Full PDB file with SEQRES, HELIX, SHEET, SSBOND, CRYST1, ORIGX, SCALE, CONECT and MASTER records, all heavy atoms in Angstrom:
SEQRES   1 A   40  ARG ASN GLN LYS GLN LYS TYR PHE GLU LEU TYR ARG GLU          
SEQRES   2 A   40  TYR PRO ILE VAL LYS LEU TRP ARG TRP GLU HIS ARG GLN          
SEQRES   3 A   40  THR THR PHE LEU PRO PRO LEU GLY GLY VAL VAL GLN SER          
SEQRES   4 A   40  PRO                                                          
HELIX    1 AA1 GLN A    5  TYR A   11  1                                   7    
CRYST1    1.000    1.000    1.000  90.00  90.00  90.00 P 1           1          
ORIGX1      1.000000  0.000000  0.000000        0.00000                         
ORIGX2      0.000000  1.000000  0.000000        0.00000                         
ORIGX3      0.000000  0.000000  1.000000        0.00000                         
SCALE1      1.000000  0.000000  0.000000        0.00000                         
SCALE2      0.000000  1.000000  0.000000        0.00000                         
SCALE3      0.000000  0.000000  1.000000        0.00000                         
ATOM      1  N   ARG A   1     121.359  97.643 101.177  1.00  0.00           N  
ATOM      2  CA  ARG A   1     120.516  97.368 100.013  1.00  0.00           C  
ATOM      3  C   ARG A   1     119.870  95.981 100.108  1.00  0.00           C  
ATOM      4  O   ARG A   1     120.498  95.013 100.527  1.00  0.00           O  
ATOM      5  CB  ARG A   1     121.318  97.491  98.713  1.00  0.00           C  
ATOM      6  CG  ARG A   1     121.738  98.924  98.424  1.00  0.00           C  
ATOM      7  CD  ARG A   1     122.263  99.117  97.012  1.00  0.00           C  
ATOM      8  NE  ARG A   1     122.642 100.513  96.783  1.00  0.00           N  
ATOM      9  CZ  ARG A   1     121.795 101.463  96.391  1.00  0.00           C  
ATOM     10  NH1 ARG A   1     120.529 101.156  96.172  1.00  0.00           N  
ATOM     11  NH2 ARG A   1     122.223 102.696  96.222  1.00  0.00           N  
ATOM     12  N   ASN A   2     118.600  95.940  99.704  1.00  0.00           N  
ATOM     13  CA  ASN A   2     117.870  94.686  99.561  1.00  0.00           C  
ATOM     14  C   ASN A   2     118.297  94.074  98.228  1.00  0.00           C  
ATOM     15  O   ASN A   2     117.984  94.609  97.168  1.00  0.00           O  
ATOM     16  CB  ASN A   2     116.364  94.965  99.590  1.00  0.00           C  
ATOM     17  CG  ASN A   2     115.528  93.710  99.520  1.00  0.00           C  
ATOM     18  OD1 ASN A   2     115.921  92.709  98.939  1.00  0.00           O  
ATOM     19  ND2 ASN A   2     114.335  93.757 100.105  1.00  0.00           N  
ATOM     20  N   GLN A   3     118.996  92.952  98.289  1.00  0.00           N  
ATOM     21  CA  GLN A   3     119.639  92.399  97.105  1.00  0.00           C  
ATOM     22  C   GLN A   3     118.780  91.383  96.343  1.00  0.00           C  
ATOM     23  O   GLN A   3     119.299  90.603  95.555  1.00  0.00           O  
ATOM     24  CB  GLN A   3     120.962  91.723  97.510  1.00  0.00           C  
ATOM     25  CG  GLN A   3     121.973  92.642  98.174  1.00  0.00           C  
ATOM     26  CD  GLN A   3     122.725  93.505  97.178  1.00  0.00           C  
ATOM     27  OE1 GLN A   3     122.450  93.498  95.987  1.00  0.00           O  
ATOM     28  NE2 GLN A   3     123.698  94.270  97.664  1.00  0.00           N  
ATOM     29  N   LYS A   4     117.460  91.410  96.559  1.00  0.00           N  
ATOM     30  CA  LYS A   4     116.596  90.510  95.799  1.00  0.00           C  
ATOM     31  C   LYS A   4     116.566  90.934  94.332  1.00  0.00           C  
ATOM     32  O   LYS A   4     116.336  92.097  94.007  1.00  0.00           O  
ATOM     33  CB  LYS A   4     115.176  90.516  96.363  1.00  0.00           C  
ATOM     34  CG  LYS A   4     115.020  89.671  97.620  1.00  0.00           C  
ATOM     35  CD  LYS A   4     113.554  89.541  97.998  1.00  0.00           C  
ATOM     36  CE  LYS A   4     113.388  88.625  99.202  1.00  0.00           C  
ATOM     37  NZ  LYS A   4     111.964  88.484  99.590  1.00  0.00           N  
ATOM     38  N   GLN A   5     116.772  89.959  93.449  1.00  0.00           N  
ATOM     39  CA  GLN A   5     116.868  90.239  92.028  1.00  0.00           C  
ATOM     40  C   GLN A   5     115.579  90.821  91.466  1.00  0.00           C  
ATOM     41  O   GLN A   5     115.607  91.659  90.556  1.00  0.00           O  
ATOM     42  CB  GLN A   5     117.232  88.963  91.263  1.00  0.00           C  
ATOM     43  CG  GLN A   5     117.483  89.159  89.776  1.00  0.00           C  
ATOM     44  CD  GLN A   5     118.661  90.087  89.483  1.00  0.00           C  
ATOM     45  OE1 GLN A   5     119.579  90.192  90.282  1.00  0.00           O  
ATOM     46  NE2 GLN A   5     118.615  90.776  88.347  1.00  0.00           N  
ATOM     47  N   LYS A   6     114.425  90.409  92.018  1.00  0.00           N  
ATOM     48  CA  LYS A   6     113.149  90.887  91.461  1.00  0.00           C  
ATOM     49  C   LYS A   6     113.017  92.401  91.601  1.00  0.00           C  
ATOM     50  O   LYS A   6     112.374  93.052  90.765  1.00  0.00           O  
ATOM     51  CB  LYS A   6     111.971  90.183  92.128  1.00  0.00           C  
ATOM     52  CG  LYS A   6     111.754  90.509  93.592  1.00  0.00           C  
ATOM     53  CD  LYS A   6     110.526  89.781  94.124  1.00  0.00           C  
ATOM     54  CE  LYS A   6     110.252  90.122  95.577  1.00  0.00           C  
ATOM     55  NZ  LYS A   6     109.061  89.408  96.096  1.00  0.00           N  
ATOM     56  N   TYR A   7     113.639  92.979  92.636  1.00  0.00           N  
ATOM     57  CA  TYR A   7     113.553  94.427  92.802  1.00  0.00           C  
ATOM     58  C   TYR A   7     114.458  95.148  91.808  1.00  0.00           C  
ATOM     59  O   TYR A   7     114.126  96.228  91.322  1.00  0.00           O  
ATOM     60  CB  TYR A   7     113.901  94.815  94.236  1.00  0.00           C  
ATOM     61  CG  TYR A   7     112.891  94.305  95.233  1.00  0.00           C  
ATOM     62  CD1 TYR A   7     113.290  93.592  96.353  1.00  0.00           C  
ATOM     63  CD2 TYR A   7     111.534  94.519  95.034  1.00  0.00           C  
ATOM     64  CE1 TYR A   7     112.359  93.105  97.262  1.00  0.00           C  
ATOM     65  CE2 TYR A   7     110.598  94.034  95.928  1.00  0.00           C  
ATOM     66  CZ  TYR A   7     111.017  93.332  97.042  1.00  0.00           C  
ATOM     67  OH  TYR A   7     110.090  92.852  97.928  1.00  0.00           O  
ATOM     68  N   PHE A   8     115.587  94.530  91.496  1.00  0.00           N  
ATOM     69  CA  PHE A   8     116.450  95.126  90.480  1.00  0.00           C  
ATOM     70  C   PHE A   8     115.752  95.112  89.125  1.00  0.00           C  
ATOM     71  O   PHE A   8     115.826  96.080  88.354  1.00  0.00           O  
ATOM     72  CB  PHE A   8     117.775  94.377  90.395  1.00  0.00           C  
ATOM     73  CG  PHE A   8     118.753  94.996  89.435  1.00  0.00           C  
ATOM     74  CD1 PHE A   8     119.532  96.064  89.824  1.00  0.00           C  
ATOM     75  CD2 PHE A   8     118.866  94.526  88.131  1.00  0.00           C  
ATOM     76  CE1 PHE A   8     120.432  96.651  88.939  1.00  0.00           C  
ATOM     77  CE2 PHE A   8     119.747  95.101  87.238  1.00  0.00           C  
ATOM     78  CZ  PHE A   8     120.533  96.172  87.636  1.00  0.00           C  
ATOM     79  N   GLU A   9     115.057  94.016  88.822  1.00  0.00           N  
ATOM     80  CA  GLU A   9     114.341  93.925  87.553  1.00  0.00           C  
ATOM     81  C   GLU A   9     113.201  94.926  87.495  1.00  0.00           C  
ATOM     82  O   GLU A   9     112.870  95.444  86.426  1.00  0.00           O  
ATOM     83  CB  GLU A   9     113.817  92.499  87.373  1.00  0.00           C  
ATOM     84  CG  GLU A   9     114.925  91.467  87.199  1.00  0.00           C  
ATOM     85  CD  GLU A   9     114.417  90.046  87.234  1.00  0.00           C  
ATOM     86  OE1 GLU A   9     113.189  89.841  87.426  1.00  0.00           O  
ATOM     87  OE2 GLU A   9     115.234  89.115  87.064  1.00  0.00           O  
ATOM     88  N   LEU A  10     112.602  95.215  88.651  1.00  0.00           N  
ATOM     89  CA  LEU A  10     111.468  96.127  88.689  1.00  0.00           C  
ATOM     90  C   LEU A  10     111.903  97.588  88.703  1.00  0.00           C  
ATOM     91  O   LEU A  10     111.318  98.426  88.012  1.00  0.00           O  
ATOM     92  CB  LEU A  10     110.616  95.831  89.921  1.00  0.00           C  
ATOM     93  CG  LEU A  10     109.281  96.564  90.065  1.00  0.00           C  
ATOM     94  CD1 LEU A  10     108.364  96.255  88.883  1.00  0.00           C  
ATOM     95  CD2 LEU A  10     108.605  96.186  91.379  1.00  0.00           C  
ATOM     96  N   TYR A  11     112.944  97.900  89.484  1.00  0.00           N  
ATOM     97  CA  TYR A  11     113.336  99.299  89.696  1.00  0.00           C  
ATOM     98  C   TYR A  11     114.680  99.662  89.058  1.00  0.00           C  
ATOM     99  O   TYR A  11     115.103 100.815  89.135  1.00  0.00           O  
ATOM    100  CB  TYR A  11     113.407  99.604  91.197  1.00  0.00           C  
ATOM    101  CG  TYR A  11     112.120  99.306  91.923  1.00  0.00           C  
ATOM    102  CD1 TYR A  11     112.067  98.293  92.884  1.00  0.00           C  
ATOM    103  CD2 TYR A  11     110.952 100.021  91.656  1.00  0.00           C  
ATOM    104  CE1 TYR A  11     110.886  98.005  93.558  1.00  0.00           C  
ATOM    105  CE2 TYR A  11     109.769  99.732  92.325  1.00  0.00           C  
ATOM    106  CZ  TYR A  11     109.743  98.735  93.275  1.00  0.00           C  
ATOM    107  OH  TYR A  11     108.581  98.448  93.937  1.00  0.00           O  
ATOM    108  N   ARG A  12     115.370  98.675  88.492  1.00  0.00           N  
ATOM    109  CA  ARG A  12     116.695  98.857  87.892  1.00  0.00           C  
ATOM    110  C   ARG A  12     117.754  99.238  88.920  1.00  0.00           C  
ATOM    111  O   ARG A  12     118.806  99.784  88.579  1.00  0.00           O  
ATOM    112  CB  ARG A  12     116.677  99.887  86.754  1.00  0.00           C  
ATOM    113  CG  ARG A  12     115.653  99.625  85.683  1.00  0.00           C  
ATOM    114  CD  ARG A  12     115.620  98.185  85.216  1.00  0.00           C  
ATOM    115  NE  ARG A  12     116.924  97.741  84.699  1.00  0.00           N  
ATOM    116  CZ  ARG A  12     117.211  96.457  84.417  1.00  0.00           C  
ATOM    117  NH1 ARG A  12     116.317  95.509  84.655  1.00  0.00           N  
ATOM    118  NH2 ARG A  12     118.384  96.140  83.932  1.00  0.00           N  
ATOM    119  N   GLU A  13     117.483  98.983  90.172  1.00  0.00           N  
ATOM    120  CA  GLU A  13     118.461  99.131  91.238  1.00  0.00           C  
ATOM    121  C   GLU A  13     117.977  98.342  92.445  1.00  0.00           C  
ATOM    122  O   GLU A  13     116.795  97.995  92.542  1.00  0.00           O  
ATOM    123  CB  GLU A  13     118.662 100.593  91.626  1.00  0.00           C  
ATOM    124  CG  GLU A  13     117.434 101.239  92.246  1.00  0.00           C  
ATOM    125  CD  GLU A  13     117.707 102.662  92.695  1.00  0.00           C  
ATOM    126  OE1 GLU A  13     118.861 103.118  92.558  1.00  0.00           O  
ATOM    127  OE2 GLU A  13     116.769 103.313  93.196  1.00  0.00           O  
ATOM    128  N   TYR A  14     118.900  98.037  93.354  1.00  0.00           N  
ATOM    129  CA  TYR A  14     118.526  97.359  94.592  1.00  0.00           C  
ATOM    130  C   TYR A  14     118.140  98.424  95.616  1.00  0.00           C  
ATOM    131  O   TYR A  14     118.944  99.294  95.939  1.00  0.00           O  
ATOM    132  CB  TYR A  14     119.691  96.512  95.113  1.00  0.00           C  
ATOM    133  CG  TYR A  14     120.075  95.375  94.186  1.00  0.00           C  
ATOM    134  CD1 TYR A  14     121.249  95.430  93.423  1.00  0.00           C  
ATOM    135  CD2 TYR A  14     119.271  94.249  94.074  1.00  0.00           C  
ATOM    136  CE1 TYR A  14     121.598  94.398  92.561  1.00  0.00           C  
ATOM    137  CE2 TYR A  14     119.618  93.211  93.219  1.00  0.00           C  
ATOM    138  CZ  TYR A  14     120.783  93.282  92.463  1.00  0.00           C  
ATOM    139  OH  TYR A  14     121.119  92.263  91.614  1.00  0.00           O  
ATOM    140  N   PRO A  15     116.908  98.371  96.127  1.00  0.00           N  
ATOM    141  CA  PRO A  15     116.466  99.442  97.041  1.00  0.00           C  
ATOM    142  C   PRO A  15     117.193  99.406  98.379  1.00  0.00           C  
ATOM    143  O   PRO A  15     117.563  98.332  98.873  1.00  0.00           O  
ATOM    144  CB  PRO A  15     114.972  99.152  97.218  1.00  0.00           C  
ATOM    145  CG  PRO A  15     114.826  97.688  96.932  1.00  0.00           C  
ATOM    146  CD  PRO A  15     115.855  97.372  95.885  1.00  0.00           C  
ATOM    147  N   ILE A  16     117.384 100.570  98.961  1.00  0.00           N  
ATOM    148  CA  ILE A  16     117.983 100.677 100.289  1.00  0.00           C  
ATOM    149  C   ILE A  16     116.902 100.468 101.340  1.00  0.00           C  
ATOM    150  O   ILE A  16     115.812 101.029 101.260  1.00  0.00           O  
ATOM    151  CB  ILE A  16     118.660 102.046 100.475  1.00  0.00           C  
ATOM    152  CG1 ILE A  16     119.858 102.170  99.535  1.00  0.00           C  
ATOM    153  CG2 ILE A  16     119.099 102.246 101.926  1.00  0.00           C  
ATOM    154  CD1 ILE A  16     120.550 103.520  99.583  1.00  0.00           C  
ATOM    155  N   VAL A  17     117.196  99.642 102.324  1.00  0.00           N  
ATOM    156  CA  VAL A  17     116.278  99.402 103.442  1.00  0.00           C  
ATOM    157  C   VAL A  17     116.262 100.653 104.318  1.00  0.00           C  
ATOM    158  O   VAL A  17     117.312 101.130 104.746  1.00  0.00           O  
ATOM    159  CB  VAL A  17     116.716  98.163 104.248  1.00  0.00           C  
ATOM    160  CG1 VAL A  17     115.784  97.920 105.427  1.00  0.00           C  
ATOM    161  CG2 VAL A  17     116.769  96.931 103.334  1.00  0.00           C  
ATOM    162  N   LYS A  18     115.067 101.188 104.579  1.00  0.00           N  
ATOM    163  CA  LYS A  18     114.950 102.480 105.258  1.00  0.00           C  
ATOM    164  C   LYS A  18     114.398 102.329 106.677  1.00  0.00           C  
ATOM    165  O   LYS A  18     113.427 101.609 106.902  1.00  0.00           O  
ATOM    166  CB  LYS A  18     114.033 103.403 104.459  1.00  0.00           C  
ATOM    167  CG  LYS A  18     114.534 103.699 103.050  1.00  0.00           C  
ATOM    168  CD  LYS A  18     113.525 104.538 102.282  1.00  0.00           C  
ATOM    169  CE  LYS A  18     114.001 104.805 100.860  1.00  0.00           C  
ATOM    170  NZ  LYS A  18     112.983 105.581 100.092  1.00  0.00           N  
ATOM    171  N   LEU A  19     115.023 103.014 107.600  1.00  0.00           N  
ATOM    172  CA  LEU A  19     114.525 103.096 108.974  1.00  0.00           C  
ATOM    173  C   LEU A  19     113.626 104.327 109.072  1.00  0.00           C  
ATOM    174  O   LEU A  19     114.101 105.457 109.005  1.00  0.00           O  
ATOM    175  CB  LEU A  19     115.694 103.204 109.958  1.00  0.00           C  
ATOM    176  CG  LEU A  19     115.335 103.346 111.439  1.00  0.00           C  
ATOM    177  CD1 LEU A  19     114.543 102.146 111.940  1.00  0.00           C  
ATOM    178  CD2 LEU A  19     116.602 103.530 112.276  1.00  0.00           C  
ATOM    179  N   TRP A  20     112.319 104.111 109.243  1.00  0.00           N  
ATOM    180  CA  TRP A  20     111.373 105.213 109.259  1.00  0.00           C  
ATOM    181  C   TRP A  20     111.108 105.737 110.664  1.00  0.00           C  
ATOM    182  O   TRP A  20     111.036 106.938 110.891  1.00  0.00           O  
ATOM    183  CB  TRP A  20     110.057 104.801 108.603  1.00  0.00           C  
ATOM    184  CG  TRP A  20     110.098 104.775 107.122  1.00  0.00           C  
ATOM    185  CD1 TRP A  20     109.886 103.688 106.307  1.00  0.00           C  
ATOM    186  CD2 TRP A  20     110.375 105.865 106.229  1.00  0.00           C  
ATOM    187  NE1 TRP A  20     110.010 104.038 104.985  1.00  0.00           N  
ATOM    188  CE2 TRP A  20     110.311 105.372 104.903  1.00  0.00           C  
ATOM    189  CE3 TRP A  20     110.675 107.216 106.432  1.00  0.00           C  
ATOM    190  CZ2 TRP A  20     110.528 106.183 103.790  1.00  0.00           C  
ATOM    191  CZ3 TRP A  20     110.898 108.016 105.326  1.00  0.00           C  
ATOM    192  CH2 TRP A  20     110.821 107.501 104.029  1.00  0.00           C  
ATOM    193  N   ARG A  21     110.898 104.828 111.628  1.00  0.00           N  
ATOM    194  CA  ARG A  21     110.599 105.261 112.992  1.00  0.00           C  
ATOM    195  C   ARG A  21     111.287 104.343 113.978  1.00  0.00           C  
ATOM    196  O   ARG A  21     111.404 103.137 113.732  1.00  0.00           O  
ATOM    197  CB  ARG A  21     109.085 105.261 113.245  1.00  0.00           C  
ATOM    198  CG  ARG A  21     108.310 106.235 112.378  1.00  0.00           C  
ATOM    199  CD  ARG A  21     106.831 106.266 112.777  1.00  0.00           C  
ATOM    200  NE  ARG A  21     106.076 107.165 111.927  1.00  0.00           N  
ATOM    201  CZ  ARG A  21     105.500 106.806 110.786  1.00  0.00           C  
ATOM    202  NH1 ARG A  21     105.590 105.559 110.385  1.00  0.00           N  
ATOM    203  NH2 ARG A  21     104.830 107.679 110.059  1.00  0.00           N  
ATOM    204  N   TRP A  22     111.707 104.908 115.089  1.00  0.00           N  
ATOM    205  CA  TRP A  22     112.313 104.092 116.138  1.00  0.00           C  
ATOM    206  C   TRP A  22     112.120 104.794 117.479  1.00  0.00           C  
ATOM    207  O   TRP A  22     112.150 106.014 117.580  1.00  0.00           O  
ATOM    208  CB  TRP A  22     113.796 103.852 115.857  1.00  0.00           C  
ATOM    209  CG  TRP A  22     114.629 105.099 115.923  1.00  0.00           C  
ATOM    210  CD1 TRP A  22     115.329 105.591 116.993  1.00  0.00           C  
ATOM    211  CD2 TRP A  22     114.831 106.048 114.867  1.00  0.00           C  
ATOM    212  NE1 TRP A  22     115.955 106.765 116.682  1.00  0.00           N  
ATOM    213  CE2 TRP A  22     115.661 107.076 115.376  1.00  0.00           C  
ATOM    214  CE3 TRP A  22     114.391 106.121 113.547  1.00  0.00           C  
ATOM    215  CZ2 TRP A  22     116.050 108.151 114.606  1.00  0.00           C  
ATOM    216  CZ3 TRP A  22     114.788 107.207 112.783  1.00  0.00           C  
ATOM    217  CH2 TRP A  22     115.609 108.196 113.310  1.00  0.00           C  
ATOM    218  N   GLU A  23     111.879 104.007 118.494  1.00  0.00           N  
ATOM    219  CA  GLU A  23     111.738 104.511 119.856  1.00  0.00           C  
ATOM    220  C   GLU A  23     111.786 103.315 120.798  1.00  0.00           C  
ATOM    221  O   GLU A  23     111.075 102.327 120.582  1.00  0.00           O  
ATOM    222  CB  GLU A  23     110.410 105.251 120.041  1.00  0.00           C  
ATOM    223  CG  GLU A  23     110.211 105.786 121.448  1.00  0.00           C  
ATOM    224  CD  GLU A  23     108.875 106.477 121.637  1.00  0.00           C  
ATOM    225  OE1 GLU A  23     108.160 106.710 120.623  1.00  0.00           O  
ATOM    226  OE2 GLU A  23     108.530 106.772 122.801  1.00  0.00           O  
ATOM    227  N   HIS A  24     112.623 103.409 121.808  1.00  0.00           N  
ATOM    228  CA  HIS A  24     112.676 102.301 122.767  1.00  0.00           C  
ATOM    229  C   HIS A  24     111.434 102.354 123.654  1.00  0.00           C  
ATOM    230  O   HIS A  24     111.308 103.239 124.514  1.00  0.00           O  
ATOM    231  CB  HIS A  24     113.938 102.363 123.623  1.00  0.00           C  
ATOM    232  CG  HIS A  24     114.017 101.248 124.620  1.00  0.00           C  
ATOM    233  ND1 HIS A  24     114.102  99.928 124.245  1.00  0.00           N  
ATOM    234  CD2 HIS A  24     113.990 101.259 125.979  1.00  0.00           C  
ATOM    235  CE1 HIS A  24     114.137  99.169 125.325  1.00  0.00           C  
ATOM    236  NE2 HIS A  24     114.066  99.948 126.385  1.00  0.00           N  
ATOM    237  N   ARG A  25     110.520 101.432 123.418  1.00  0.00           N  
ATOM    238  CA  ARG A  25     109.283 101.379 124.191  1.00  0.00           C  
ATOM    239  C   ARG A  25     108.698  99.974 124.093  1.00  0.00           C  
ATOM    240  O   ARG A  25     108.988  99.229 123.150  1.00  0.00           O  
ATOM    241  CB  ARG A  25     108.267 102.397 123.672  1.00  0.00           C  
ATOM    242  CG  ARG A  25     107.862 102.172 122.209  1.00  0.00           C  
ATOM    243  CD  ARG A  25     106.920 103.244 121.721  1.00  0.00           C  
ATOM    244  NE  ARG A  25     106.538 103.052 120.325  1.00  0.00           N  
ATOM    245  CZ  ARG A  25     105.716 103.858 119.662  1.00  0.00           C  
ATOM    246  NH1 ARG A  25     105.202 104.927 120.263  1.00  0.00           N  
ATOM    247  NH2 ARG A  25     105.409 103.618 118.397  1.00  0.00           N  
ATOM    248  N   GLN A  26     107.884  99.629 125.062  1.00  0.00           N  
ATOM    249  CA  GLN A  26     107.225  98.337 125.063  1.00  0.00           C  
ATOM    250  C   GLN A  26     105.881  98.440 124.352  1.00  0.00           C  
ATOM    251  O   GLN A  26     105.218  99.474 124.374  1.00  0.00           O  
ATOM    252  CB  GLN A  26     107.022  97.840 126.491  1.00  0.00           C  
ATOM    253  CG  GLN A  26     108.332  97.539 127.211  1.00  0.00           C  
ATOM    254  CD  GLN A  26     108.105  97.087 128.647  1.00  0.00           C  
ATOM    255  OE1 GLN A  26     107.051  97.339 129.229  1.00  0.00           O  
ATOM    256  NE2 GLN A  26     109.097  96.421 129.213  1.00  0.00           N  
ATOM    257  N   THR A  27     105.486  97.338 123.725  1.00  0.00           N  
ATOM    258  CA  THR A  27     104.209  97.301 123.030  1.00  0.00           C  
ATOM    259  C   THR A  27     103.048  97.290 124.021  1.00  0.00           C  
ATOM    260  O   THR A  27     103.192  96.845 125.172  1.00  0.00           O  
ATOM    261  CB  THR A  27     104.114  96.063 122.122  1.00  0.00           C  
ATOM    262  OG1 THR A  27     102.825  96.050 121.474  1.00  0.00           O  
ATOM    263  CG2 THR A  27     104.262  94.779 122.910  1.00  0.00           C  
ATOM    264  N   THR A  28     101.908  97.761 123.550  1.00  0.00           N  
ATOM    265  CA  THR A  28     100.692  97.698 124.357  1.00  0.00           C  
ATOM    266  C   THR A  28      99.991  96.348 124.208  1.00  0.00           C  
ATOM    267  O   THR A  28      99.013  96.083 124.902  1.00  0.00           O  
ATOM    268  CB  THR A  28      99.710  98.803 123.949  1.00  0.00           C  
ATOM    269  OG1 THR A  28      99.442  98.696 122.536  1.00  0.00           O  
ATOM    270  CG2 THR A  28     100.299 100.175 124.239  1.00  0.00           C  
ATOM    271  N   PHE A  29     100.500  95.496 123.285  1.00  0.00           N  
ATOM    272  CA  PHE A  29      99.889  94.177 123.106  1.00  0.00           C  
ATOM    273  C   PHE A  29     100.139  93.306 124.330  1.00  0.00           C  
ATOM    274  O   PHE A  29     101.255  93.217 124.834  1.00  0.00           O  
ATOM    275  CB  PHE A  29     100.477  93.477 121.879  1.00  0.00           C  
ATOM    276  CG  PHE A  29     100.059  92.033 121.751  1.00  0.00           C  
ATOM    277  CD1 PHE A  29      98.816  91.704 121.233  1.00  0.00           C  
ATOM    278  CD2 PHE A  29     100.907  91.013 122.160  1.00  0.00           C  
ATOM    279  CE1 PHE A  29      98.424  90.371 121.121  1.00  0.00           C  
ATOM    280  CE2 PHE A  29     100.525  89.688 122.059  1.00  0.00           C  
ATOM    281  CZ  PHE A  29      99.292  89.366 121.531  1.00  0.00           C  
ATOM    282  N   LEU A  30      99.082  92.661 124.801  1.00  0.00           N  
ATOM    283  CA  LEU A  30      99.184  91.726 125.910  1.00  0.00           C  
ATOM    284  C   LEU A  30      98.532  90.417 125.510  1.00  0.00           C  
ATOM    285  O   LEU A  30      97.383  90.417 125.045  1.00  0.00           O  
ATOM    286  CB  LEU A  30      98.493  92.274 127.163  1.00  0.00           C  
ATOM    287  CG  LEU A  30      99.128  93.496 127.828  1.00  0.00           C  
ATOM    288  CD1 LEU A  30      98.215  94.006 128.947  1.00  0.00           C  
ATOM    289  CD2 LEU A  30     100.500  93.134 128.389  1.00  0.00           C  
ATOM    290  N   PRO A  31      99.248  89.291 125.648  1.00  0.00           N  
ATOM    291  CA  PRO A  31      98.608  88.002 125.367  1.00  0.00           C  
ATOM    292  C   PRO A  31      97.526  87.725 126.400  1.00  0.00           C  
ATOM    293  O   PRO A  31      97.491  88.381 127.456  1.00  0.00           O  
ATOM    294  CB  PRO A  31      99.760  86.996 125.479  1.00  0.00           C  
ATOM    295  CG  PRO A  31     100.770  87.667 126.332  1.00  0.00           C  
ATOM    296  CD  PRO A  31     100.637  89.147 126.073  1.00  0.00           C  
ATOM    297  N   PRO A  32      96.628  86.759 126.140  1.00  0.00           N  
ATOM    298  CA  PRO A  32      95.581  86.437 127.109  1.00  0.00           C  
ATOM    299  C   PRO A  32      96.156  86.093 128.475  1.00  0.00           C  
ATOM    300  O   PRO A  32      97.338  85.778 128.612  1.00  0.00           O  
ATOM    301  CB  PRO A  32      94.886  85.219 126.475  1.00  0.00           C  
ATOM    302  CG  PRO A  32      95.146  85.361 125.021  1.00  0.00           C  
ATOM    303  CD  PRO A  32      96.518  85.975 124.908  1.00  0.00           C  
ATOM    304  N   LEU A  33      95.310  86.164 129.504  1.00  0.00           N  
ATOM    305  CA  LEU A  33      95.713  85.928 130.883  1.00  0.00           C  
ATOM    306  C   LEU A  33      96.520  84.645 130.992  1.00  0.00           C  
ATOM    307  O   LEU A  33      96.127  83.603 130.494  1.00  0.00           O  
ATOM    308  CB  LEU A  33      94.475  85.838 131.775  1.00  0.00           C  
ATOM    309  CG  LEU A  33      94.725  85.804 133.280  1.00  0.00           C  
ATOM    310  CD1 LEU A  33      95.395  87.094 133.727  1.00  0.00           C  
ATOM    311  CD2 LEU A  33      93.410  85.593 134.023  1.00  0.00           C  
ATOM    312  N   GLY A  34      97.647  84.745 131.632  1.00  0.00           N  
ATOM    313  CA  GLY A  34      98.506  83.570 131.787  1.00  0.00           C  
ATOM    314  C   GLY A  34      99.582  83.493 130.737  1.00  0.00           C  
ATOM    315  O   GLY A  34     100.468  82.650 130.790  1.00  0.00           O  
ATOM    316  N   GLY A  35      99.513  84.381 129.746  1.00  0.00           N  
ATOM    317  CA  GLY A  35     100.569  84.429 128.740  1.00  0.00           C  
ATOM    318  C   GLY A  35     100.509  83.325 127.717  1.00  0.00           C  
ATOM    319  O   GLY A  35     101.449  83.087 126.974  1.00  0.00           O  
ATOM    320  N   VAL A  36      99.378  82.592 127.632  1.00  0.00           N  
ATOM    321  CA  VAL A  36      99.268  81.490 126.681  1.00  0.00           C  
ATOM    322  C   VAL A  36      98.315  81.901 125.582  1.00  0.00           C  
ATOM    323  O   VAL A  36      97.206  82.357 125.834  1.00  0.00           O  
ATOM    324  CB  VAL A  36      98.748  80.209 127.370  1.00  0.00           C  
ATOM    325  CG1 VAL A  36      98.598  79.095 126.354  1.00  0.00           C  
ATOM    326  CG2 VAL A  36      99.690  79.797 128.488  1.00  0.00           C  
ATOM    327  N   VAL A  37      98.773  81.763 124.348  1.00  0.00           N  
ATOM    328  CA  VAL A  37      97.900  82.039 123.215  1.00  0.00           C  
ATOM    329  C   VAL A  37      97.797  80.788 122.377  1.00  0.00           C  
ATOM    330  O   VAL A  37      98.675  79.933 122.379  1.00  0.00           O  
ATOM    331  CB  VAL A  37      98.447  83.206 122.352  1.00  0.00           C  
ATOM    332  CG1 VAL A  37      98.455  84.483 123.130  1.00  0.00           C  
ATOM    333  CG2 VAL A  37      99.838  82.882 121.820  1.00  0.00           C  
ATOM    334  N   GLN A  38      96.718  80.686 121.664  1.00  0.00           N  
ATOM    335  CA  GLN A  38      96.515  79.534 120.807  1.00  0.00           C  
ATOM    336  C   GLN A  38      97.187  79.774 119.462  1.00  0.00           C  
ATOM    337  O   GLN A  38      97.140  80.874 118.926  1.00  0.00           O  
ATOM    338  CB  GLN A  38      95.012  79.285 120.586  1.00  0.00           C  
ATOM    339  CG  GLN A  38      94.259  78.959 121.870  1.00  0.00           C  
ATOM    340  CD  GLN A  38      94.722  77.650 122.475  1.00  0.00           C  
ATOM    341  OE1 GLN A  38      94.999  76.681 121.771  1.00  0.00           O  
ATOM    342  NE2 GLN A  38      94.831  77.613 123.794  1.00  0.00           N  
ATOM    343  N   SER A  39      97.797  78.755 118.905  1.00  0.00           N  
ATOM    344  CA  SER A  39      98.371  78.885 117.578  1.00  0.00           C  
ATOM    345  C   SER A  39      97.239  79.134 116.594  1.00  0.00           C  
ATOM    346  O   SER A  39      96.258  78.396 116.570  1.00  0.00           O  
ATOM    347  CB  SER A  39      99.126  77.603 117.190  1.00  0.00           C  
ATOM    348  OG  SER A  39     100.211  77.414 118.055  1.00  0.00           O  
ATOM    349  N   PRO A  40      97.357  80.179 115.781  1.00  0.00           N  
ATOM    350  CA  PRO A  40      96.262  80.510 114.883  1.00  0.00           C  
ATOM    351  C   PRO A  40      96.099  79.476 113.789  1.00  0.00           C  
ATOM    352  O   PRO A  40      97.060  78.894 113.307  1.00  0.00           O  
ATOM    353  CB  PRO A  40      96.693  81.861 114.292  1.00  0.00           C  
ATOM    354  CG  PRO A  40      98.166  81.862 114.413  1.00  0.00           C  
ATOM    355  CD  PRO A  40      98.488  81.093 115.659  1.00  0.00           C  
TER     356      PRO A  40                                                      
MASTER        0    0    0    1    0    0    0    6  355    1    0    4          
END                                                                             
């Protein structure tokens, strides 16, 4: 359960954290050449 008080006040219960999807795989995201990215 997510024990943040604001959710209890909103929903009258602490919501359960839900696992929707899972799969062991690598992302297709690749940083720029050389692996260096600029801090946004």
